[in-house]
Amino acid sequence: MAKPLDTSAHSRLSAALMEDDEYREEYEQSRREIEAIDRVIHELDELREQEGLSKAELARIVNRNPSSIRRLFTQKSNPELALVVAIAAALGADLRVVPPKKTSRRKTRGKRRELVAA
């Protein structure tokens, strides 16, 4: 049986880095961006399935290599916005930025905004 990987050094380094306010803020911002991208891609994949399209069929519609579409839906990635917009259009959806509810522009300047596939 394989010996479990010792990740304690990584855990200690991560904990030490997170004590730095600037590092922690950048880390949290990156995490939010990745989560937003993942939500949009997940929504598009659900729409694709609802339309009964295979990934290869969708690739043909948006004029992309089928392997790039498969990777988009199966791996964590940072897709080009143009590709995301093309896929949304092919699935009859729009992408839009939705500001947080009941917040003034001043309070939200520099804060998170969500991309929503609608």
N, C-alpha and C. Protein backbone atom coordinates (compact mmCIF):
# COMPACT_ATOMS: atom_id res chain seq x y z
N MET A 1 0.84 -1.18 0.00
CA MET A 1 0.00 0.00 0.00
C MET A 1 0.89 1.24 0.00
N ALA A 2 0.51 2.24 -0.77
CA ALA A 2 1.30 3.46 -0.89
C ALA A 2 1.24 4.27 0.40
N LYS A 3 2.38 4.84 0.74
CA LYS A 3 2.47 5.68 1.93
C LYS A 3 1.79 7.02 1.65
N PRO A 4 0.96 7.53 2.58
CA PRO A 4 0.29 8.81 2.35
C PRO A 4 1.32 9.94 2.15
N LEU A 5 1.00 10.87 1.29
CA LEU A 5 1.87 12.00 1.01
C LEU A 5 1.87 12.95 2.20
N ASP A 6 3.06 13.33 2.64
CA ASP A 6 3.19 14.26 3.76
C ASP A 6 3.05 15.68 3.22
N THR A 7 1.97 16.34 3.58
CA THR A 7 1.72 17.71 3.11
C THR A 7 1.85 18.73 4.23
N SER A 8 2.43 18.32 5.34
CA SER A 8 2.49 19.22 6.49
C SER A 8 3.33 20.47 6.20
N ALA A 9 4.42 20.33 5.42
CA ALA A 9 5.24 21.50 5.10
C ALA A 9 4.43 22.50 4.27
N HIS A 10 3.66 21.99 3.33
CA HIS A 10 2.81 22.87 2.52
C HIS A 10 1.76 23.55 3.39
N SER A 11 1.17 22.80 4.29
CA SER A 11 0.16 23.37 5.18
C SER A 11 0.74 24.47 6.04
N ARG A 12 1.94 24.25 6.56
CA ARG A 12 2.59 25.28 7.38
C ARG A 12 2.91 26.53 6.55
N LEU A 13 3.42 26.32 5.34
CA LEU A 13 3.74 27.46 4.47
C LEU A 13 2.48 28.24 4.12
N SER A 14 1.40 27.53 3.78
CA SER A 14 0.14 28.20 3.45
C SER A 14 -0.37 29.01 4.63
N ALA A 15 -0.31 28.43 5.81
CA ALA A 15 -0.78 29.13 7.01
C ALA A 15 0.06 30.38 7.26
N ALA A 16 1.37 30.28 7.06
CA ALA A 16 2.25 31.44 7.27
C ALA A 16 1.95 32.53 6.25
N LEU A 17 1.76 32.14 4.99
CA LEU A 17 1.46 33.12 3.95
C LEU A 17 0.13 33.83 4.21
N MET A 18 -0.85 33.10 4.70
CA MET A 18 -2.17 33.67 4.95
C MET A 18 -2.15 34.69 6.09
N GLU A 19 -1.11 34.72 6.88
CA GLU A 19 -1.00 35.71 7.94
C GLU A 19 -0.69 37.10 7.37
N ASP A 20 -0.16 37.14 6.16
CA ASP A 20 0.13 38.41 5.49
C ASP A 20 -1.18 38.93 4.88
N ASP A 21 -1.63 40.10 5.33
CA ASP A 21 -2.91 40.65 4.87
C ASP A 21 -2.97 40.82 3.36
N GLU A 22 -1.91 41.35 2.76
CA GLU A 22 -1.91 41.58 1.31
C GLU A 22 -2.00 40.26 0.55
N TYR A 23 -1.24 39.26 0.98
CA TYR A 23 -1.28 37.95 0.33
C TYR A 23 -2.68 37.34 0.47
N ARG A 24 -3.24 37.40 1.68
CA ARG A 24 -4.55 36.81 1.93
C ARG A 24 -5.62 37.48 1.05
N GLU A 25 -5.56 38.81 0.92
CA GLU A 25 -6.54 39.52 0.08
C GLU A 25 -6.42 39.10 -1.38
N GLU A 26 -5.19 38.99 -1.89
CA GLU A 26 -4.99 38.56 -3.27
C GLU A 26 -5.45 37.12 -3.47
N TYR A 27 -5.16 36.27 -2.50
CA TYR A 27 -5.59 34.87 -2.56
C TYR A 27 -7.11 34.79 -2.61
N GLU A 28 -7.78 35.52 -1.74
CA GLU A 28 -9.24 35.50 -1.69
C GLU A 28 -9.84 36.05 -2.98
N GLN A 29 -9.25 37.10 -3.54
CA GLN A 29 -9.73 37.66 -4.81
C GLN A 29 -9.61 36.62 -5.92
N SER A 30 -8.46 35.95 -5.99
CA SER A 30 -8.26 34.92 -7.01
C SER A 30 -9.26 33.77 -6.83
N ARG A 31 -9.49 33.39 -5.59
CA ARG A 31 -10.45 32.31 -5.31
C ARG A 31 -11.85 32.70 -5.77
N ARG A 32 -12.26 33.95 -5.51
CA ARG A 32 -13.58 34.40 -5.95
C ARG A 32 -13.68 34.43 -7.48
N GLU A 33 -12.62 34.86 -8.14
CA GLU A 33 -12.63 34.89 -9.61
C GLU A 33 -12.77 33.48 -10.18
N ILE A 34 -12.03 32.55 -9.63
CA ILE A 34 -12.09 31.16 -10.10
C ILE A 34 -13.49 30.59 -9.86
N GLU A 35 -14.06 30.85 -8.70
CA GLU A 35 -15.41 30.37 -8.41
C GLU A 35 -16.44 30.96 -9.37
N ALA A 36 -16.30 32.24 -9.72
CA ALA A 36 -17.23 32.87 -10.65
C ALA A 36 -17.12 32.23 -12.03
N ILE A 37 -15.90 32.01 -12.49
CA ILE A 37 -15.69 31.35 -13.78
C ILE A 37 -16.31 29.96 -13.76
N ASP A 38 -16.05 29.22 -12.69
CA ASP A 38 -16.60 27.86 -12.59
C ASP A 38 -18.12 27.86 -12.62
N ARG A 39 -18.76 28.84 -11.96
CA ARG A 39 -20.23 28.90 -11.97
C ARG A 39 -20.76 29.14 -13.38
N VAL A 40 -20.13 30.06 -14.11
CA VAL A 40 -20.58 30.36 -15.47
C VAL A 40 -20.41 29.13 -16.36
N ILE A 41 -19.26 28.48 -16.28
CA ILE A 41 -19.01 27.29 -17.11
C ILE A 41 -19.99 26.18 -16.76
N HIS A 42 -20.27 26.00 -15.48
CA HIS A 42 -21.23 24.99 -15.04
C HIS A 42 -22.62 25.28 -15.61
N GLU A 43 -23.04 26.55 -15.56
CA GLU A 43 -24.34 26.94 -16.12
C GLU A 43 -24.41 26.65 -17.62
N LEU A 44 -23.32 26.98 -18.32
CA LEU A 44 -23.29 26.73 -19.77
C LEU A 44 -23.36 25.23 -20.06
N ASP A 45 -22.69 24.44 -19.25
CA ASP A 45 -22.72 22.99 -19.46
C ASP A 45 -24.12 22.44 -19.21
N GLU A 46 -24.81 22.97 -18.20
CA GLU A 46 -26.19 22.55 -17.96
C GLU A 46 -27.08 22.93 -19.13
N LEU A 47 -26.91 24.14 -19.68
CA LEU A 47 -27.69 24.55 -20.85
C LEU A 47 -27.41 23.64 -22.04
N ARG A 48 -26.14 23.28 -22.22
CA ARG A 48 -25.75 22.38 -23.32
C ARG A 48 -26.49 21.06 -23.18
N GLU A 49 -26.50 20.52 -21.97
CA GLU A 49 -27.19 19.24 -21.75
C GLU A 49 -28.69 19.37 -21.97
N GLN A 50 -29.29 20.48 -21.52
CA GLN A 50 -30.72 20.70 -21.72
C GLN A 50 -31.07 20.78 -23.21
N GLU A 51 -30.16 21.33 -24.00
CA GLU A 51 -30.37 21.43 -25.45
C GLU A 51 -30.10 20.10 -26.16
N GLY A 52 -29.59 19.13 -25.42
CA GLY A 52 -29.30 17.81 -26.00
C GLY A 52 -28.10 17.81 -26.93
N LEU A 53 -27.19 18.75 -26.73
CA LEU A 53 -26.00 18.83 -27.57
C LEU A 53 -24.82 18.12 -26.92
N SER A 54 -24.07 17.40 -27.74
CA SER A 54 -22.82 16.84 -27.24
C SER A 54 -21.78 17.95 -27.24
N LYS A 55 -20.67 17.72 -26.57
CA LYS A 55 -19.60 18.71 -26.58
C LYS A 55 -19.04 18.88 -27.99
N ALA A 56 -18.98 17.79 -28.74
CA ALA A 56 -18.47 17.87 -30.12
C ALA A 56 -19.42 18.68 -30.99
N GLU A 57 -20.73 18.50 -30.82
CA GLU A 57 -21.71 19.28 -31.59
C GLU A 57 -21.60 20.77 -31.26
N LEU A 58 -21.47 21.07 -29.97
CA LEU A 58 -21.31 22.47 -29.57
C LEU A 58 -20.03 23.05 -30.16
N ALA A 59 -18.97 22.27 -30.17
CA ALA A 59 -17.69 22.73 -30.75
C ALA A 59 -17.87 23.11 -32.22
N ARG A 60 -18.60 22.29 -32.96
CA ARG A 60 -18.85 22.61 -34.37
C ARG A 60 -19.64 23.90 -34.51
N ILE A 61 -20.63 24.10 -33.66
CA ILE A 61 -21.47 25.30 -33.74
C ILE A 61 -20.64 26.57 -33.50
N VAL A 62 -19.71 26.52 -32.54
CA VAL A 62 -18.91 27.71 -32.20
C VAL A 62 -17.56 27.72 -32.91
N ASN A 63 -17.40 26.79 -33.86
CA ASN A 63 -16.20 26.74 -34.70
C ASN A 63 -14.92 26.59 -33.87
N ARG A 64 -14.93 25.63 -32.96
CA ARG A 64 -13.78 25.33 -32.11
C ARG A 64 -13.43 23.86 -32.20
N ASN A 65 -12.23 23.55 -31.79
CA ASN A 65 -11.77 22.18 -31.73
C ASN A 65 -12.55 21.46 -30.62
N PRO A 66 -13.09 20.27 -30.89
CA PRO A 66 -13.85 19.55 -29.85
C PRO A 66 -13.07 19.33 -28.57
N SER A 67 -11.76 19.10 -28.68
CA SER A 67 -10.98 18.86 -27.45
C SER A 67 -10.94 20.10 -26.57
N SER A 68 -10.96 21.30 -27.16
CA SER A 68 -10.94 22.51 -26.33
C SER A 68 -12.26 22.67 -25.58
N ILE A 69 -13.36 22.28 -26.20
CA ILE A 69 -14.66 22.36 -25.53
C ILE A 69 -14.74 21.30 -24.43
N ARG A 70 -14.24 20.10 -24.70
CA ARG A 70 -14.22 19.07 -23.65
C ARG A 70 -13.42 19.53 -22.45
N ARG A 71 -12.24 20.11 -22.70
CA ARG A 71 -11.39 20.61 -21.60
C ARG A 71 -12.11 21.71 -20.82
N LEU A 72 -12.79 22.59 -21.54
CA LEU A 72 -13.50 23.69 -20.89
C LEU A 72 -14.49 23.17 -19.85
N PHE A 73 -15.22 22.12 -20.20
CA PHE A 73 -16.26 21.61 -19.31
C PHE A 73 -15.76 20.56 -18.31
N THR A 74 -14.55 20.06 -18.47
CA THR A 74 -14.09 18.99 -17.58
C THR A 74 -12.90 19.38 -16.71
N GLN A 75 -12.22 20.45 -17.01
CA GLN A 75 -11.06 20.86 -16.23
C GLN A 75 -11.23 22.28 -15.74
N LYS A 76 -10.56 22.58 -14.66
CA LYS A 76 -10.53 23.96 -14.20
C LYS A 76 -9.72 24.73 -15.22
N SER A 77 -10.30 25.78 -15.75
CA SER A 77 -9.60 26.56 -16.77
C SER A 77 -10.00 28.02 -16.66
N ASN A 78 -9.31 28.84 -17.39
CA ASN A 78 -9.63 30.26 -17.45
C ASN A 78 -9.92 30.58 -18.92
N PRO A 79 -11.14 30.35 -19.36
CA PRO A 79 -11.46 30.50 -20.79
C PRO A 79 -11.47 31.94 -21.24
N GLU A 80 -11.28 32.11 -22.54
CA GLU A 80 -11.39 33.44 -23.13
C GLU A 80 -12.86 33.87 -23.06
N LEU A 81 -13.05 35.14 -22.78
CA LEU A 81 -14.41 35.66 -22.70
C LEU A 81 -15.14 35.50 -24.03
N ALA A 82 -14.42 35.68 -25.13
CA ALA A 82 -15.04 35.53 -26.45
C ALA A 82 -15.60 34.13 -26.64
N LEU A 83 -14.90 33.11 -26.15
CA LEU A 83 -15.38 31.74 -26.26
C LEU A 83 -16.63 31.55 -25.40
N VAL A 84 -16.61 32.07 -24.19
CA VAL A 84 -17.76 31.94 -23.29
C VAL A 84 -18.99 32.62 -23.90
N VAL A 85 -18.80 33.80 -24.48
CA VAL A 85 -19.91 34.52 -25.12
C VAL A 85 -20.43 33.74 -26.32
N ALA A 86 -19.52 33.16 -27.13
CA ALA A 86 -19.93 32.37 -28.30
C ALA A 86 -20.73 31.15 -27.87
N ILE A 87 -20.30 30.47 -26.83
CA ILE A 87 -21.02 29.29 -26.34
C ILE A 87 -22.40 29.71 -25.83
N ALA A 88 -22.44 30.78 -25.04
CA ALA A 88 -23.73 31.25 -24.53
C ALA A 88 -24.69 31.57 -25.67
N ALA A 89 -24.19 32.26 -26.69
CA ALA A 89 -25.03 32.61 -27.84
C ALA A 89 -25.51 31.36 -28.56
N ALA A 90 -24.64 30.37 -28.72
CA ALA A 90 -25.01 29.13 -29.39
C ALA A 90 -26.09 28.38 -28.61
N LEU A 91 -26.13 28.59 -27.30
CA LEU A 91 -27.11 27.92 -26.46
C LEU A 91 -28.33 28.81 -26.19
N GLY A 92 -28.38 29.96 -26.87
CA GLY A 92 -29.52 30.85 -26.70
C GLY A 92 -29.52 31.60 -25.39
N ALA A 93 -28.35 31.81 -24.80
CA ALA A 93 -28.25 32.50 -23.52
C ALA A 93 -27.46 33.79 -23.68
N ASP A 94 -27.66 34.70 -22.75
CA ASP A 94 -26.90 35.95 -22.69
C ASP A 94 -26.02 35.91 -21.45
N LEU A 95 -24.89 36.57 -21.52
CA LEU A 95 -24.06 36.78 -20.33
C LEU A 95 -24.26 38.21 -19.89
N ARG A 96 -24.37 38.41 -18.60
CA ARG A 96 -24.52 39.76 -18.10
C ARG A 96 -23.88 39.87 -16.74
N VAL A 97 -23.47 41.06 -16.40
CA VAL A 97 -22.92 41.35 -15.08
C VAL A 97 -24.07 41.83 -14.22
N VAL A 98 -24.24 41.22 -13.07
CA VAL A 98 -25.34 41.56 -12.18
C VAL A 98 -24.75 42.16 -10.91
N PRO A 99 -25.02 43.44 -10.66
CA PRO A 99 -24.48 44.06 -9.44
C PRO A 99 -25.17 43.50 -8.21
N PRO A 100 -24.51 43.59 -7.07
CA PRO A 100 -25.15 43.14 -5.83
C PRO A 100 -26.42 43.94 -5.58
N LYS A 101 -27.37 43.36 -4.89
CA LYS A 101 -28.64 44.03 -4.63
C LYS A 101 -28.49 45.12 -3.57
N LYS A 102 -29.23 46.23 -3.81
CA LYS A 102 -29.36 47.33 -2.85
C LYS A 102 -28.03 47.81 -2.28
N THR A 103 -27.08 48.09 -3.16
CA THR A 103 -25.81 48.63 -2.71
C THR A 103 -25.46 49.80 -3.61
N SER A 104 -25.01 50.88 -3.05
CA SER A 104 -24.65 52.03 -3.87
C SER A 104 -23.36 51.75 -4.63
N ARG A 105 -23.15 52.47 -5.73
CA ARG A 105 -21.94 52.29 -6.53
C ARG A 105 -20.68 52.57 -5.71
N ARG A 106 -20.73 53.57 -4.85
CA ARG A 106 -19.55 53.89 -4.05
C ARG A 106 -19.15 52.73 -3.17
N LYS A 107 -20.11 52.11 -2.54
CA LYS A 107 -19.80 51.01 -1.63
C LYS A 107 -19.30 49.79 -2.37
N THR A 108 -19.71 49.60 -3.63
CA THR A 108 -19.32 48.39 -4.37
C THR A 108 -18.11 48.59 -5.25
N ARG A 109 -17.59 49.81 -5.34
CA ARG A 109 -16.44 50.04 -6.21
C ARG A 109 -15.30 49.14 -5.76
N GLY A 110 -14.79 48.33 -6.70
CA GLY A 110 -13.69 47.42 -6.39
C GLY A 110 -14.14 46.12 -5.74
N LYS A 111 -15.43 45.98 -5.50
CA LYS A 111 -15.92 44.75 -4.89
C LYS A 111 -16.33 43.76 -5.97
N ARG A 112 -16.64 42.57 -5.55
CA ARG A 112 -16.97 41.48 -6.45
C ARG A 112 -18.26 41.73 -7.21
N ARG A 113 -18.26 41.37 -8.49
CA ARG A 113 -19.46 41.36 -9.33
C ARG A 113 -19.56 39.96 -9.90
N GLU A 114 -20.76 39.47 -10.09
CA GLU A 114 -20.96 38.12 -10.59
C GLU A 114 -21.32 38.09 -12.05
N LEU A 115 -20.80 37.09 -12.75
CA LEU A 115 -21.24 36.81 -14.12
C LEU A 115 -22.31 35.75 -14.02
N VAL A 116 -23.40 35.96 -14.70
CA VAL A 116 -24.51 35.02 -14.63
C VAL A 116 -24.90 34.64 -16.04
N ALA A 117 -25.00 33.34 -16.30
CA ALA A 117 -25.53 32.88 -17.59
C ALA A 117 -27.04 32.86 -17.44
N ALA A 118 -27.72 33.66 -18.23
CA ALA A 118 -29.19 33.74 -18.10
C ALA A 118 -29.85 33.34 -19.39
